[in-house]
N, C-alpha and C. Protein backbone atom coordinates (compact mmCIF):
# COMPACT_ATOMS: atom_id res chain seq x y z
N GLN A 1 103.30 207.48 -14.52
CA GLN A 1 102.06 206.86 -15.35
C GLN A 1 101.23 207.14 -14.66
N VAL A 2 100.11 206.85 -15.62
CA VAL A 2 98.80 207.46 -14.72
C VAL A 2 97.96 206.44 -15.74
N GLN A 3 97.03 205.51 -14.80
CA GLN A 3 96.01 204.49 -15.46
C GLN A 3 94.76 204.53 -14.94
N LEU A 4 93.90 204.98 -15.90
CA LEU A 4 92.60 205.06 -15.99
C LEU A 4 91.69 203.88 -16.19
N VAL A 5 90.68 203.53 -15.29
CA VAL A 5 89.63 202.64 -15.53
C VAL A 5 88.24 203.47 -15.64
N GLU A 6 87.11 202.93 -17.03
CA GLU A 6 86.21 203.41 -16.51
C GLU A 6 85.04 202.52 -16.68
N SER A 7 84.20 203.25 -15.44
CA SER A 7 82.99 201.82 -15.79
C SER A 7 81.73 202.46 -15.73
N GLY A 8 80.77 202.14 -15.48
CA GLY A 8 79.58 202.69 -15.45
C GLY A 8 78.59 202.40 -16.64
N GLY A 9 78.99 202.10 -18.06
CA GLY A 9 78.69 202.23 -19.17
C GLY A 9 77.45 200.95 -19.10
N GLY A 10 76.51 200.80 -19.87
CA GLY A 10 75.14 200.11 -20.35
C GLY A 10 74.15 200.05 -21.35
N LEU A 11 73.40 199.38 -22.11
CA LEU A 11 72.52 199.94 -21.99
C LEU A 11 71.15 200.54 -21.61
N VAL A 12 70.14 201.57 -22.23
CA VAL A 12 69.72 202.10 -21.91
C VAL A 12 68.85 202.91 -22.87
N GLN A 13 67.08 202.79 -22.32
CA GLN A 13 66.10 203.50 -23.29
C GLN A 13 66.86 205.11 -23.36
N ALA A 14 66.31 205.54 -24.53
CA ALA A 14 66.13 206.97 -24.97
C ALA A 14 65.10 207.49 -23.62
N GLY A 15 65.98 208.83 -23.37
CA GLY A 15 65.55 209.44 -21.89
C GLY A 15 66.53 209.39 -20.62
N GLY A 16 67.17 208.23 -20.95
CA GLY A 16 67.36 207.45 -19.98
C GLY A 16 68.31 208.06 -19.15
N SER A 17 69.17 207.55 -18.51
CA SER A 17 70.86 208.15 -17.59
C SER A 17 71.65 207.31 -17.31
N LEU A 18 72.76 207.36 -17.34
CA LEU A 18 73.57 206.72 -16.58
C LEU A 18 74.79 207.65 -16.44
N ARG A 19 75.50 207.28 -14.85
CA ARG A 19 76.58 208.16 -14.52
C ARG A 19 77.77 207.27 -14.89
N LEU A 20 78.80 207.87 -15.18
CA LEU A 20 80.32 207.16 -15.70
C LEU A 20 81.08 207.65 -14.92
N SER A 21 81.77 206.63 -14.53
CA SER A 21 82.88 207.04 -13.32
C SER A 21 84.35 206.82 -14.14
N CYS A 22 85.59 207.09 -14.04
CA CYS A 22 86.94 206.83 -14.03
C CYS A 22 87.85 206.93 -12.89
N ALA A 23 88.40 205.89 -12.42
CA ALA A 23 89.50 206.27 -11.52
C ALA A 23 90.77 206.03 -12.19
N ALA A 24 91.18 206.61 -11.52
CA ALA A 24 92.54 207.42 -11.68
C ALA A 24 93.92 206.68 -10.46
N SER A 25 95.31 205.99 -11.05
CA SER A 25 95.94 205.63 -10.02
C SER A 25 97.05 206.22 -10.57
N GLY A 26 98.11 205.88 -10.21
CA GLY A 26 99.84 206.08 -10.69
C GLY A 26 100.32 207.36 -10.48
N GLY A 27 99.42 208.33 -10.60
CA GLY A 27 99.80 209.89 -10.46
C GLY A 27 99.15 210.48 -9.47
N THR A 28 99.35 211.78 -9.49
CA THR A 28 98.90 212.77 -8.73
C THR A 28 97.81 213.24 -9.57
N PHE A 29 96.54 212.91 -8.72
CA PHE A 29 95.31 213.16 -9.70
C PHE A 29 94.83 214.84 -9.81
N SER A 30 95.45 215.34 -8.92
CA SER A 30 94.50 216.84 -8.60
C SER A 30 95.57 217.78 -9.62
N SER A 31 96.47 217.44 -10.25
CA SER A 31 97.27 218.14 -11.03
C SER A 31 97.13 217.51 -12.49
N TYR A 32 96.31 217.12 -12.80
CA TYR A 32 95.32 216.33 -14.08
C TYR A 32 94.41 217.29 -14.74
N ALA A 33 94.15 218.11 -15.48
CA ALA A 33 92.82 218.16 -16.59
C ALA A 33 92.62 216.65 -16.88
N MET A 34 91.10 216.32 -16.61
CA MET A 34 90.31 215.38 -16.97
C MET A 34 89.47 215.38 -18.21
N GLY A 35 89.29 214.60 -19.09
CA GLY A 35 87.96 214.94 -20.12
C GLY A 35 87.97 213.52 -20.85
N TRP A 36 86.17 213.51 -21.15
CA TRP A 36 85.74 212.89 -21.43
C TRP A 36 85.46 212.56 -22.62
N PHE A 37 85.50 211.67 -23.37
CA PHE A 37 85.36 211.84 -25.19
C PHE A 37 84.22 210.51 -25.43
N ARG A 38 84.16 210.25 -26.68
CA ARG A 38 83.63 209.54 -27.51
C ARG A 38 83.91 208.95 -28.94
N GLN A 39 83.07 207.64 -28.95
CA GLN A 39 84.02 207.18 -30.29
C GLN A 39 82.54 206.31 -31.00
N ALA A 40 81.86 206.43 -32.06
CA ALA A 40 80.97 205.69 -32.50
C ALA A 40 81.24 204.94 -33.29
N PRO A 41 80.50 204.08 -33.88
CA PRO A 41 81.26 202.87 -35.06
C PRO A 41 81.42 203.72 -36.35
N GLY A 42 82.79 203.52 -36.66
CA GLY A 42 82.87 204.30 -38.40
C GLY A 42 82.93 205.49 -38.21
N LYS A 43 83.33 206.39 -36.97
CA LYS A 43 83.96 207.59 -36.31
C LYS A 43 84.50 208.33 -35.94
N GLU A 44 85.32 209.22 -36.09
CA GLU A 44 86.21 209.61 -34.96
C GLU A 44 86.00 209.62 -33.55
N ARG A 45 86.76 209.94 -33.26
CA ARG A 45 87.23 209.89 -31.47
C ARG A 45 86.72 211.76 -31.50
N GLU A 46 85.40 212.30 -30.38
CA GLU A 46 85.26 213.62 -30.23
C GLU A 46 85.33 213.77 -28.95
N PHE A 47 85.27 215.08 -28.47
CA PHE A 47 85.29 215.54 -27.29
C PHE A 47 83.88 215.82 -26.56
N VAL A 48 83.40 215.39 -25.73
CA VAL A 48 82.56 215.40 -24.93
C VAL A 48 82.33 216.25 -24.01
N ALA A 49 83.28 216.15 -23.12
CA ALA A 49 83.66 217.60 -21.72
C ALA A 49 85.12 217.22 -21.13
N ALA A 50 85.37 218.45 -20.48
CA ALA A 50 86.67 218.41 -19.77
C ALA A 50 86.30 219.16 -18.55
N ILE A 51 87.34 218.83 -17.43
CA ILE A 51 87.26 219.73 -16.13
C ILE A 51 88.59 220.36 -15.91
N SER A 52 88.62 221.39 -15.05
CA SER A 52 89.78 221.82 -14.88
C SER A 52 90.42 221.22 -13.64
N VAL A 53 91.96 221.47 -12.83
CA VAL A 53 92.56 220.81 -11.94
C VAL A 53 91.66 220.50 -10.92
N ASN A 54 90.96 221.52 -10.54
CA ASN A 54 90.36 221.60 -9.23
C ASN A 54 88.57 221.90 -9.37
N GLY A 55 88.26 221.37 -10.50
CA GLY A 55 86.96 221.11 -10.21
C GLY A 55 85.85 222.96 -10.75
N GLY A 56 87.03 223.73 -11.34
CA GLY A 56 86.30 224.69 -10.89
C GLY A 56 85.81 225.31 -12.60
N ARG A 57 86.22 224.79 -13.69
CA ARG A 57 85.84 225.21 -14.55
C ARG A 57 85.42 223.91 -15.44
N MET A 58 84.38 223.95 -16.22
CA MET A 58 83.57 222.93 -16.72
C MET A 58 83.28 223.15 -18.36
N TYR A 59 83.66 221.89 -19.35
CA TYR A 59 83.24 222.69 -20.68
C TYR A 59 82.69 221.56 -21.29
N TYR A 60 81.90 221.83 -22.30
CA TYR A 60 81.25 220.58 -23.00
C TYR A 60 81.05 220.92 -24.34
N ALA A 61 80.69 219.98 -25.03
CA ALA A 61 80.54 219.55 -26.65
C ALA A 61 79.01 220.64 -26.68
N ASP A 62 78.74 221.02 -27.96
CA ASP A 62 77.64 221.35 -27.82
C ASP A 62 76.10 220.72 -28.10
N SER A 63 77.01 219.47 -28.17
CA SER A 63 76.10 218.64 -28.66
C SER A 63 75.52 217.75 -27.24
N VAL A 64 76.14 218.17 -25.99
CA VAL A 64 75.77 217.68 -24.51
C VAL A 64 75.36 218.60 -24.05
N LYS A 65 75.78 219.99 -23.96
CA LYS A 65 75.82 220.90 -23.23
C LYS A 65 74.13 220.92 -22.54
N GLY A 66 74.07 220.59 -21.61
CA GLY A 66 72.52 221.09 -20.66
C GLY A 66 72.23 219.80 -20.28
N ARG A 67 72.97 218.47 -20.56
CA ARG A 67 72.47 216.95 -20.56
C ARG A 67 73.26 216.58 -19.87
N PHE A 68 74.69 216.73 -20.32
CA PHE A 68 75.35 216.00 -19.59
C PHE A 68 76.25 216.80 -18.21
N THR A 69 76.91 216.48 -17.40
CA THR A 69 77.51 217.09 -15.86
C THR A 69 78.62 216.37 -16.13
N ILE A 70 79.69 216.75 -15.89
CA ILE A 70 81.02 216.72 -15.88
C ILE A 70 81.76 217.04 -14.68
N SER A 71 81.83 216.03 -13.49
CA SER A 71 82.53 216.41 -12.08
C SER A 71 83.67 215.85 -11.69
N ARG A 72 84.57 216.14 -10.67
CA ARG A 72 85.73 215.03 -10.21
C ARG A 72 86.09 215.43 -8.14
N ASP A 73 86.13 214.06 -7.71
CA ASP A 73 86.28 214.22 -6.61
C ASP A 73 88.13 213.83 -6.61
N ASN A 74 88.88 214.75 -6.19
CA ASN A 74 90.15 214.97 -6.18
C ASN A 74 90.51 213.60 -4.93
N ALA A 75 89.35 213.59 -3.70
CA ALA A 75 90.21 212.81 -2.76
C ALA A 75 89.90 211.37 -3.39
N LYS A 76 89.04 211.14 -4.40
CA LYS A 76 88.85 209.72 -4.51
C LYS A 76 89.71 209.60 -5.92
N ASN A 77 90.02 210.20 -6.01
CA ASN A 77 91.09 210.28 -7.84
C ASN A 77 89.93 209.60 -8.61
N THR A 78 88.81 210.18 -8.89
CA THR A 78 87.56 209.69 -9.99
C THR A 78 87.09 211.15 -9.98
N VAL A 79 86.88 210.85 -11.82
CA VAL A 79 86.22 212.25 -12.37
C VAL A 79 84.86 211.21 -12.60
N PHE A 80 83.77 212.14 -13.35
CA PHE A 80 82.66 211.36 -13.33
C PHE A 80 81.85 212.11 -14.50
N LEU A 81 81.01 211.57 -15.22
CA LEU A 81 80.25 212.05 -16.22
C LEU A 81 78.64 212.10 -16.35
N GLN A 82 77.80 212.47 -15.41
CA GLN A 82 76.12 212.41 -15.45
C GLN A 82 75.94 212.00 -16.90
N THR A 83 75.31 211.46 -17.69
CA THR A 83 74.78 211.90 -18.76
C THR A 83 72.88 211.55 -18.64
N ASN A 84 72.59 212.24 -18.92
CA ASN A 84 71.31 213.13 -18.92
C ASN A 84 70.40 212.88 -20.38
N SER A 85 68.96 212.39 -19.85
CA SER A 85 68.21 212.89 -21.39
C SER A 85 68.92 212.10 -22.59
N LEU A 86 69.28 211.09 -22.48
CA LEU A 86 70.31 210.59 -23.37
C LEU A 86 69.40 209.85 -24.51
N LYS A 87 70.31 209.87 -25.81
CA LYS A 87 69.58 209.84 -26.73
C LYS A 87 70.02 208.66 -27.70
N PRO A 88 69.24 207.91 -28.57
CA PRO A 88 70.34 207.11 -29.78
C PRO A 88 71.31 207.71 -29.99
N GLU A 89 72.21 208.75 -30.31
CA GLU A 89 73.16 209.33 -31.20
C GLU A 89 73.89 209.43 -29.99
N ASP A 90 73.96 209.53 -28.84
CA ASP A 90 74.86 209.31 -27.74
C ASP A 90 75.53 207.90 -28.07
N THR A 91 75.01 207.26 -28.39
CA THR A 91 75.97 205.44 -28.61
C THR A 91 77.14 206.07 -28.74
N ALA A 92 78.43 205.12 -28.16
CA ALA A 92 79.64 205.39 -28.63
C ALA A 92 79.88 204.47 -27.49
N VAL A 93 81.15 204.30 -27.59
CA VAL A 93 82.32 203.74 -26.61
C VAL A 93 82.99 205.03 -25.83
N TYR A 94 82.72 205.10 -24.51
CA TYR A 94 83.10 206.71 -24.00
C TYR A 94 84.40 206.46 -22.92
N TYR A 95 85.67 207.22 -23.45
CA TYR A 95 86.70 207.68 -22.72
C TYR A 95 87.02 208.14 -21.99
N CYS A 96 87.43 207.84 -20.70
CA CYS A 96 88.13 208.91 -20.25
C CYS A 96 89.83 209.44 -20.82
N ALA A 97 90.03 210.58 -19.79
CA ALA A 97 91.32 210.73 -20.58
C ALA A 97 92.02 212.26 -19.44
N ALA A 98 93.68 212.17 -19.40
CA ALA A 98 94.05 213.19 -18.31
C ALA A 98 95.54 213.69 -19.11
N ARG A 99 95.56 214.64 -18.77
CA ARG A 99 96.51 215.47 -18.91
C ARG A 99 97.43 216.49 -18.29
N PRO A 100 98.44 216.31 -17.81
CA PRO A 100 98.89 217.89 -17.06
C PRO A 100 98.21 219.05 -17.39
N SER A 101 97.61 219.57 -16.30
CA SER A 101 97.46 220.83 -15.92
C SER A 101 96.21 221.67 -16.72
N VAL A 102 96.47 221.40 -17.91
CA VAL A 102 95.65 222.51 -18.52
C VAL A 102 94.79 221.93 -19.53
N VAL A 103 93.93 222.29 -19.30
CA VAL A 103 92.50 221.91 -20.00
C VAL A 103 92.30 222.12 -21.97
N VAL A 104 92.50 221.19 -22.59
CA VAL A 104 92.35 221.37 -23.92
C VAL A 104 91.03 220.75 -24.44
N LEU A 105 90.39 220.99 -25.16
CA LEU A 105 89.37 220.12 -26.10
C LEU A 105 89.58 219.72 -27.29
N THR A 106 90.36 219.11 -27.50
CA THR A 106 91.64 218.23 -28.61
C THR A 106 91.45 217.17 -27.91
N THR A 107 91.92 215.83 -28.80
CA THR A 107 91.97 214.73 -28.26
C THR A 107 93.98 214.50 -28.02
N ARG A 108 94.29 215.82 -27.49
CA ARG A 108 95.55 216.01 -27.32
C ARG A 108 95.72 215.28 -25.73
N TYR A 109 95.18 214.50 -25.27
CA TYR A 109 95.39 213.95 -23.71
C TYR A 109 96.64 212.81 -23.83
N ASP A 110 97.59 212.85 -22.51
CA ASP A 110 98.34 211.74 -22.43
C ASP A 110 98.56 210.59 -22.23
N TYR A 111 97.23 210.75 -21.67
CA TYR A 111 96.68 209.02 -20.70
C TYR A 111 95.27 208.52 -21.02
N TRP A 112 95.36 208.12 -21.60
CA TRP A 112 93.63 207.03 -22.20
C TRP A 112 92.89 205.92 -21.11
N GLY A 113 91.73 205.71 -20.73
CA GLY A 113 91.33 204.51 -20.40
C GLY A 113 91.03 203.94 -21.70
N GLN A 114 90.53 202.26 -21.13
CA GLN A 114 90.00 201.37 -22.34
C GLN A 114 88.97 201.73 -22.75
N GLY A 115 87.77 202.36 -22.20
CA GLY A 115 86.21 202.78 -22.89
C GLY A 115 85.13 201.70 -22.14
N THR A 116 84.50 202.60 -22.02
CA THR A 116 82.97 201.93 -21.96
C THR A 116 81.73 201.83 -23.06
N GLN A 117 81.30 201.10 -23.00
CA GLN A 117 80.39 200.88 -23.96
C GLN A 117 78.95 201.94 -23.45
N VAL A 118 78.00 202.81 -23.87
CA VAL A 118 77.23 203.56 -23.75
C VAL A 118 76.05 203.13 -25.02
N THR A 119 75.22 202.39 -24.99
CA THR A 119 73.94 202.33 -25.85
C THR A 119 72.65 202.38 -25.41
N VAL A 120 71.65 203.86 -26.73
CA VAL A 120 71.05 204.44 -26.09
C VAL A 120 69.87 203.16 -27.30
N SER A 121 68.69 202.92 -26.54
CA SER A 121 67.78 202.25 -27.67
C SER A 121 66.67 203.43 -27.85
N SER A 122 66.00 203.38 -28.77
CA SER A 122 65.17 204.38 -29.39
C SER A 122 63.64 203.76 -29.15
């Protein structure tokens, strides 16, 4: 059983940056593909970014490509999401998620964190 805890959310002005972190415990972190998702009020949870088990491949939603960067530190059991040039439409609860081995770009992940709120003011 893998436990995931996100942190780093907050209130930021448009154009600002936040670095989200997700700390994992209870499993072999280096064997899990990791993803970031977000859910705005009244909307479905959507894919944001994902990273392969060794960090060699990263995947992004078109809406965040060029602004967000996903990375991982397997020695520290942590995955990060650097968010730059934030826009009001990026406002959402951001979740990290884990699944064994293979990256997918859907919500088909086995383990989820509780989420961290990101609010971008205009």
